[in-house]
Amino acid sequence: MLMIGRFSGAFIQARVAPSRLLAPYAAMNVLLCLVAAAASGWMAVGALWLTSFFMSIMFPTIFALGIEGLGEDTNLGSSFLIMSIIGGAIIPPLTGLLSERIGGIQHGMLAPALCFSVCLGFAIVVNRIRADASS
């Protein structure tokens, strides 16, 4: 699903600004994580499985948007973005902790939902900055 999402995302990004595509993809992942947290059985599994489709464009898009316009600070900015990948080591234990504390693995999906909410916020801010710059 990740590969399908990446190829279709690249196709769509040729026609839609990446910053505009990031917001609905992040919003879908927030929704899917909430469904995975609230549902059970195949619906929860399906929602979790679909997150990889919408996650597929996130890192490359966030990275490109994050370093855009940094000029001389591009190396420093890209280093900070790469260091932020440490979240991949922090979020899974947090997910496990939440699932132990609040009643099951499904409730642990609130941690990734929060992370995707941050991605959504980033996309909204970038879109506002771009709209202000073009006016």
N, C-alpha and C. Protein backbone atom coordinates (compact mmCIF):
# COMPACT_ATOMS: atom_id res chain seq x y z
N MET A 1 0.82 -1.19 0.00
CA MET A 1 0.00 0.00 0.00
C MET A 1 0.87 1.26 0.00
N LEU A 2 2.00 1.18 0.69
CA LEU A 2 2.91 2.32 0.72
C LEU A 2 3.41 2.67 -0.68
N MET A 3 3.78 1.67 -1.45
CA MET A 3 4.28 1.91 -2.81
C MET A 3 3.18 2.50 -3.70
N ILE A 4 1.98 1.98 -3.59
CA ILE A 4 0.87 2.51 -4.38
C ILE A 4 0.62 3.96 -4.02
N GLY A 5 0.65 4.26 -2.73
CA GLY A 5 0.46 5.63 -2.28
C GLY A 5 1.56 6.56 -2.75
N ARG A 6 2.79 6.07 -2.76
CA ARG A 6 3.91 6.92 -3.17
C ARG A 6 3.84 7.25 -4.66
N PHE A 7 3.56 6.24 -5.48
CA PHE A 7 3.47 6.48 -6.93
C PHE A 7 2.26 7.34 -7.27
N SER A 8 1.12 7.05 -6.68
CA SER A 8 -0.06 7.86 -6.96
C SER A 8 0.12 9.28 -6.40
N GLY A 9 0.78 9.40 -5.25
CA GLY A 9 1.06 10.72 -4.68
C GLY A 9 1.96 11.54 -5.57
N ALA A 10 2.98 10.90 -6.15
CA ALA A 10 3.88 11.61 -7.08
C ALA A 10 3.10 12.06 -8.32
N PHE A 11 2.20 11.21 -8.79
CA PHE A 11 1.38 11.56 -9.95
C PHE A 11 0.48 12.76 -9.62
N ILE A 12 -0.14 12.73 -8.45
CA ILE A 12 -1.03 13.82 -8.05
C ILE A 12 -0.24 15.10 -7.81
N GLN A 13 0.96 14.98 -7.22
CA GLN A 13 1.76 16.17 -6.92
C GLN A 13 2.27 16.87 -8.18
N ALA A 14 2.22 16.19 -9.30
CA ALA A 14 2.57 16.83 -10.56
C ALA A 14 1.47 17.82 -10.97
N ARG A 15 0.28 17.65 -10.40
CA ARG A 15 -0.86 18.49 -10.75
C ARG A 15 -1.35 19.38 -9.60
N VAL A 16 -1.06 18.96 -8.37
CA VAL A 16 -1.50 19.67 -7.17
C VAL A 16 -0.26 20.04 -6.36
N ALA A 17 -0.22 21.25 -5.83
CA ALA A 17 0.93 21.67 -5.02
C ALA A 17 1.12 20.70 -3.85
N PRO A 18 2.35 20.26 -3.63
CA PRO A 18 2.60 19.31 -2.53
C PRO A 18 2.07 19.80 -1.18
N SER A 19 2.18 21.09 -0.91
CA SER A 19 1.67 21.60 0.37
C SER A 19 0.16 21.46 0.46
N ARG A 20 -0.53 21.54 -0.66
CA ARG A 20 -1.98 21.38 -0.67
C ARG A 20 -2.39 19.91 -0.54
N LEU A 21 -1.56 19.00 -1.01
CA LEU A 21 -1.86 17.58 -0.91
C LEU A 21 -1.55 17.03 0.48
N LEU A 22 -0.57 17.61 1.13
CA LEU A 22 -0.16 17.13 2.45
C LEU A 22 -1.30 17.24 3.47
N ALA A 23 -2.04 18.32 3.44
CA ALA A 23 -3.11 18.53 4.43
C ALA A 23 -4.19 17.44 4.39
N PRO A 24 -4.78 17.13 3.23
CA PRO A 24 -5.80 16.08 3.25
C PRO A 24 -5.23 14.69 3.56
N TYR A 25 -3.99 14.43 3.14
CA TYR A 25 -3.37 13.15 3.47
C TYR A 25 -3.17 13.02 4.98
N ALA A 26 -2.70 14.10 5.61
CA ALA A 26 -2.52 14.07 7.06
C ALA A 26 -3.86 13.95 7.77
N ALA A 27 -4.86 14.68 7.29
CA ALA A 27 -6.19 14.61 7.89
C ALA A 27 -6.77 13.20 7.78
N MET A 28 -6.56 12.56 6.64
CA MET A 28 -7.04 11.18 6.48
C MET A 28 -6.36 10.25 7.48
N ASN A 29 -5.07 10.46 7.71
CA ASN A 29 -4.38 9.60 8.66
C ASN A 29 -4.83 9.85 10.09
N VAL A 30 -5.15 11.08 10.44
CA VAL A 30 -5.72 11.34 11.77
C VAL A 30 -7.03 10.57 11.90
N LEU A 31 -7.88 10.71 10.89
CA LEU A 31 -9.17 10.02 10.90
C LEU A 31 -9.00 8.50 10.98
N LEU A 32 -8.09 7.96 10.17
CA LEU A 32 -7.87 6.51 10.16
C LEU A 32 -7.34 6.01 11.50
N CYS A 33 -6.46 6.77 12.13
CA CYS A 33 -5.95 6.37 13.45
C CYS A 33 -7.06 6.40 14.49
N LEU A 34 -7.94 7.39 14.39
CA LEU A 34 -9.07 7.46 15.32
C LEU A 34 -10.04 6.30 15.09
N VAL A 35 -10.25 5.93 13.82
CA VAL A 35 -11.08 4.77 13.52
C VAL A 35 -10.43 3.51 14.08
N ALA A 36 -9.12 3.37 13.89
CA ALA A 36 -8.41 2.20 14.41
C ALA A 36 -8.48 2.14 15.94
N ALA A 37 -8.51 3.31 16.58
CA ALA A 37 -8.60 3.35 18.04
C ALA A 37 -10.01 3.02 18.54
N ALA A 38 -11.03 3.38 17.76
CA ALA A 38 -12.41 3.22 18.22
C ALA A 38 -13.08 1.93 17.72
N ALA A 39 -12.67 1.45 16.57
CA ALA A 39 -13.34 0.28 15.97
C ALA A 39 -12.68 -1.01 16.45
N SER A 40 -13.20 -2.09 15.94
CA SER A 40 -12.60 -3.39 16.25
C SER A 40 -12.65 -4.26 15.00
N GLY A 41 -11.96 -5.36 15.06
CA GLY A 41 -11.97 -6.32 13.97
C GLY A 41 -11.35 -5.78 12.69
N TRP A 42 -11.97 -6.20 11.59
CA TRP A 42 -11.42 -5.85 10.27
C TRP A 42 -11.46 -4.35 9.98
N MET A 43 -12.43 -3.66 10.56
CA MET A 43 -12.50 -2.21 10.32
C MET A 43 -11.26 -1.52 10.91
N ALA A 44 -10.87 -1.90 12.10
CA ALA A 44 -9.68 -1.32 12.72
C ALA A 44 -8.42 -1.70 11.96
N VAL A 45 -8.34 -2.96 11.55
CA VAL A 45 -7.18 -3.41 10.79
C VAL A 45 -7.11 -2.70 9.44
N GLY A 46 -8.24 -2.58 8.77
CA GLY A 46 -8.28 -1.88 7.48
C GLY A 46 -7.88 -0.43 7.60
N ALA A 47 -8.35 0.24 8.64
CA ALA A 47 -7.99 1.65 8.85
C ALA A 47 -6.49 1.77 9.08
N LEU A 48 -5.96 0.89 9.89
CA LEU A 48 -4.52 0.91 10.16
C LEU A 48 -3.72 0.61 8.89
N TRP A 49 -4.19 -0.31 8.10
CA TRP A 49 -3.52 -0.68 6.86
C TRP A 49 -3.51 0.49 5.88
N LEU A 50 -4.61 1.23 5.80
CA LEU A 50 -4.71 2.35 4.87
C LEU A 50 -3.82 3.54 5.26
N THR A 51 -3.40 3.61 6.52
CA THR A 51 -2.53 4.74 6.91
C THR A 51 -1.25 4.77 6.09
N SER A 52 -0.75 3.62 5.68
CA SER A 52 0.50 3.61 4.91
C SER A 52 0.33 4.28 3.55
N PHE A 53 -0.86 4.18 2.97
CA PHE A 53 -1.12 4.85 1.69
C PHE A 53 -0.96 6.36 1.86
N PHE A 54 -1.61 6.91 2.88
CA PHE A 54 -1.59 8.36 3.08
C PHE A 54 -0.28 8.85 3.70
N MET A 55 0.43 7.97 4.38
CA MET A 55 1.71 8.33 4.97
C MET A 55 2.82 8.40 3.91
N SER A 56 2.60 7.79 2.78
CA SER A 56 3.64 7.61 1.77
C SER A 56 4.29 8.89 1.28
N ILE A 57 3.54 9.97 1.17
CA ILE A 57 4.11 11.22 0.66
C ILE A 57 4.62 12.14 1.77
N MET A 58 4.36 11.79 3.01
CA MET A 58 4.60 12.74 4.09
C MET A 58 6.06 13.13 4.28
N PHE A 59 6.95 12.18 4.51
CA PHE A 59 8.33 12.59 4.80
C PHE A 59 8.96 13.35 3.64
N PRO A 60 8.90 12.84 2.40
CA PRO A 60 9.55 13.62 1.34
C PRO A 60 8.93 15.01 1.15
N THR A 61 7.62 15.11 1.34
CA THR A 61 6.95 16.39 1.17
C THR A 61 7.32 17.34 2.31
N ILE A 62 7.26 16.85 3.54
CA ILE A 62 7.62 17.68 4.69
C ILE A 62 9.08 18.12 4.59
N PHE A 63 9.95 17.22 4.18
CA PHE A 63 11.37 17.56 4.06
C PHE A 63 11.57 18.67 3.03
N ALA A 64 10.98 18.50 1.85
CA ALA A 64 11.15 19.50 0.78
C ALA A 64 10.57 20.84 1.20
N LEU A 65 9.39 20.83 1.81
CA LEU A 65 8.78 22.09 2.24
C LEU A 65 9.55 22.71 3.41
N GLY A 66 10.12 21.87 4.25
CA GLY A 66 10.84 22.35 5.42
C GLY A 66 12.15 23.05 5.11
N ILE A 67 12.81 22.64 4.03
CA ILE A 67 14.09 23.27 3.70
C ILE A 67 13.96 24.33 2.61
N GLU A 68 12.77 24.44 2.04
CA GLU A 68 12.55 25.41 0.97
C GLU A 68 12.80 26.84 1.47
N GLY A 69 13.61 27.56 0.74
CA GLY A 69 13.85 28.96 1.06
C GLY A 69 14.81 29.21 2.21
N LEU A 70 15.52 28.19 2.68
CA LEU A 70 16.44 28.39 3.79
C LEU A 70 17.77 29.02 3.37
N GLY A 71 18.05 28.98 2.08
CA GLY A 71 19.29 29.60 1.59
C GLY A 71 20.53 28.98 2.22
N GLU A 72 21.33 29.82 2.86
CA GLU A 72 22.58 29.34 3.48
C GLU A 72 22.33 28.38 4.64
N ASP A 73 21.15 28.40 5.21
CA ASP A 73 20.83 27.54 6.35
C ASP A 73 20.23 26.19 5.94
N THR A 74 20.27 25.88 4.65
CA THR A 74 19.69 24.62 4.17
C THR A 74 20.35 23.41 4.82
N ASN A 75 21.68 23.41 4.93
CA ASN A 75 22.36 22.27 5.54
C ASN A 75 21.93 22.08 6.99
N LEU A 76 21.85 23.15 7.74
CA LEU A 76 21.44 23.08 9.14
C LEU A 76 19.98 22.63 9.24
N GLY A 77 19.12 23.22 8.43
CA GLY A 77 17.70 22.85 8.45
C GLY A 77 17.47 21.40 8.08
N SER A 78 18.18 20.93 7.06
CA SER A 78 18.01 19.52 6.67
C SER A 78 18.55 18.59 7.75
N SER A 79 19.60 19.01 8.44
CA SER A 79 20.12 18.19 9.55
C SER A 79 19.09 18.06 10.66
N PHE A 80 18.44 19.17 11.00
CA PHE A 80 17.40 19.11 12.04
C PHE A 80 16.23 18.23 11.61
N LEU A 81 15.85 18.31 10.35
CA LEU A 81 14.76 17.46 9.88
C LEU A 81 15.14 15.98 9.94
N ILE A 82 16.37 15.67 9.58
CA ILE A 82 16.81 14.27 9.65
C ILE A 82 16.87 13.81 11.10
N MET A 83 17.31 14.68 11.99
CA MET A 83 17.35 14.31 13.41
C MET A 83 15.95 14.09 13.98
N SER A 84 14.95 14.72 13.39
CA SER A 84 13.59 14.55 13.89
C SER A 84 13.06 13.14 13.66
N ILE A 85 13.76 12.37 12.86
CA ILE A 85 13.34 10.98 12.63
C ILE A 85 13.40 10.18 13.92
N ILE A 86 14.06 10.71 14.94
CA ILE A 86 14.13 10.05 16.24
C ILE A 86 12.72 9.76 16.78
N GLY A 87 11.74 10.50 16.26
CA GLY A 87 10.36 10.22 16.66
C GLY A 87 9.96 8.79 16.38
N GLY A 88 10.59 8.18 15.36
CA GLY A 88 10.33 6.77 15.06
C GLY A 88 10.81 5.84 16.16
N ALA A 89 11.69 6.33 17.02
CA ALA A 89 12.15 5.54 18.16
C ALA A 89 11.37 5.88 19.43
N ILE A 90 10.74 7.03 19.44
CA ILE A 90 10.02 7.48 20.64
C ILE A 90 8.54 7.13 20.58
N ILE A 91 7.92 7.29 19.43
CA ILE A 91 6.47 7.11 19.32
C ILE A 91 6.02 5.66 19.55
N PRO A 92 6.70 4.64 19.03
CA PRO A 92 6.24 3.27 19.32
C PRO A 92 6.20 2.93 20.81
N PRO A 93 7.24 3.27 21.60
CA PRO A 93 7.09 3.02 23.04
C PRO A 93 5.98 3.84 23.68
N LEU A 94 5.77 5.06 23.20
CA LEU A 94 4.67 5.88 23.72
C LEU A 94 3.33 5.23 23.38
N THR A 95 3.22 4.69 22.18
CA THR A 95 2.01 3.99 21.77
C THR A 95 1.76 2.80 22.70
N GLY A 96 2.83 2.05 22.98
CA GLY A 96 2.72 0.92 23.90
C GLY A 96 2.32 1.34 25.30
N LEU A 97 2.91 2.43 25.78
CA LEU A 97 2.57 2.94 27.11
C LEU A 97 1.11 3.35 27.19
N LEU A 98 0.65 4.06 26.16
CA LEU A 98 -0.76 4.44 26.12
C LEU A 98 -1.67 3.22 26.11
N SER A 99 -1.29 2.22 25.32
CA SER A 99 -2.15 1.03 25.24
C SER A 99 -2.19 0.29 26.57
N GLU A 100 -1.10 0.32 27.33
CA GLU A 100 -1.10 -0.32 28.65
C GLU A 100 -1.90 0.48 29.67
N ARG A 101 -1.80 1.79 29.59
CA ARG A 101 -2.41 2.65 30.61
C ARG A 101 -3.90 2.91 30.40
N ILE A 102 -4.34 2.98 29.15
CA ILE A 102 -5.74 3.37 28.93
C ILE A 102 -6.59 2.28 28.29
N GLY A 103 -6.11 1.05 28.32
CA GLY A 103 -7.02 -0.04 28.00
C GLY A 103 -6.94 -0.66 26.63
N GLY A 104 -5.79 -1.06 26.18
CA GLY A 104 -5.71 -1.84 24.96
C GLY A 104 -4.91 -1.17 23.87
N ILE A 105 -4.42 -2.02 22.97
CA ILE A 105 -3.56 -1.55 21.89
C ILE A 105 -4.26 -0.55 21.00
N GLN A 106 -5.56 -0.71 20.85
CA GLN A 106 -6.29 0.22 19.98
C GLN A 106 -6.17 1.65 20.49
N HIS A 107 -6.23 1.85 21.79
CA HIS A 107 -6.15 3.20 22.33
C HIS A 107 -4.75 3.79 22.16
N GLY A 108 -3.76 2.94 21.96
CA GLY A 108 -2.42 3.42 21.68
C GLY A 108 -2.34 4.17 20.37
N MET A 109 -3.31 3.97 19.49
CA MET A 109 -3.32 4.65 18.20
C MET A 109 -3.57 6.15 18.33
N LEU A 110 -3.86 6.59 19.52
CA LEU A 110 -4.01 8.03 19.75
C LEU A 110 -2.67 8.75 19.61
N ALA A 111 -1.57 8.05 19.90
CA ALA A 111 -0.24 8.67 19.75
C ALA A 111 0.06 8.98 18.28
N PRO A 112 -0.07 8.02 17.35
CA PRO A 112 0.13 8.37 15.94
C PRO A 112 -0.89 9.40 15.44
N ALA A 113 -2.11 9.36 15.96
CA ALA A 113 -3.11 10.36 15.55
C ALA A 113 -2.62 11.76 15.91
N LEU A 114 -2.01 11.89 17.09
CA LEU A 114 -1.46 13.18 17.50
C LEU A 114 -0.31 13.60 16.57
N CYS A 115 0.54 12.66 16.20
CA CYS A 115 1.65 12.96 15.29
C CYS A 115 1.14 13.41 13.92
N PHE A 116 0.14 12.73 13.41
CA PHE A 116 -0.43 13.13 12.12
C PHE A 116 -1.13 14.49 12.23
N SER A 117 -1.65 14.81 13.42
CA SER A 117 -2.24 16.13 13.64
C SER A 117 -1.18 17.23 13.53
N VAL A 118 0.02 16.93 14.01
CA VAL A 118 1.13 17.89 13.87
C VAL A 118 1.46 18.08 12.39
N CYS A 119 1.48 16.99 11.63
CA CYS A 119 1.73 17.09 10.18
C CYS A 119 0.64 17.93 9.52
N LEU A 120 -0.60 17.73 9.93
CA LEU A 120 -1.71 18.53 9.40
C LEU A 120 -1.51 20.01 9.73
N GLY A 121 -1.12 20.30 10.95
CA GLY A 121 -0.86 21.68 11.34
C GLY A 121 0.25 22.31 10.52
N PHE A 122 1.30 21.53 10.27
CA PHE A 122 2.40 22.02 9.43
C PHE A 122 1.90 22.37 8.04
N ALA A 123 1.09 21.50 7.46
CA ALA A 123 0.56 21.74 6.11
C ALA A 123 -0.31 22.99 6.08
N ILE A 124 -1.11 23.18 7.10
CA ILE A 124 -1.98 24.36 7.16
C ILE A 124 -1.14 25.63 7.26
N VAL A 125 -0.11 25.61 8.10
CA VAL A 125 0.76 26.79 8.25
C VAL A 125 1.48 27.10 6.94
N VAL A 126 2.02 26.08 6.29
CA VAL A 126 2.72 26.29 5.02
C VAL A 126 1.77 26.87 3.98
N ASN A 127 0.55 26.35 3.91
CA ASN A 127 -0.42 26.88 2.94
C ASN A 127 -0.77 28.33 3.24
N ARG A 128 -0.88 28.69 4.50
CA ARG A 128 -1.17 30.09 4.85
C ARG A 128 -0.01 31.00 4.49
N ILE A 129 1.21 30.55 4.75
CA ILE A 129 2.38 31.34 4.41
C ILE A 129 2.44 31.55 2.91
N ARG A 130 2.19 30.51 2.15
CA ARG A 130 2.21 30.62 0.68
C ARG A 130 1.10 31.54 0.18
N ALA A 131 -0.06 31.48 0.80
CA ALA A 131 -1.16 32.35 0.38
C ALA A 131 -0.83 33.81 0.69
N ASP A 132 -0.21 34.06 1.84
CA ASP A 132 0.18 35.43 2.19
C ASP A 132 1.28 35.94 1.26
N ALA A 133 2.20 35.07 0.89
CA ALA A 133 3.31 35.48 0.02
C ALA A 133 2.84 35.79 -1.38
N SER A 134 1.79 35.11 -1.84
CA SER A 134 1.33 35.33 -3.21
C SER A 134 0.39 36.53 -3.33
N SER A 135 -0.08 37.03 -2.19
CA SER A 135 -1.00 38.18 -2.28
C SER A 135 -0.30 39.50 -2.10
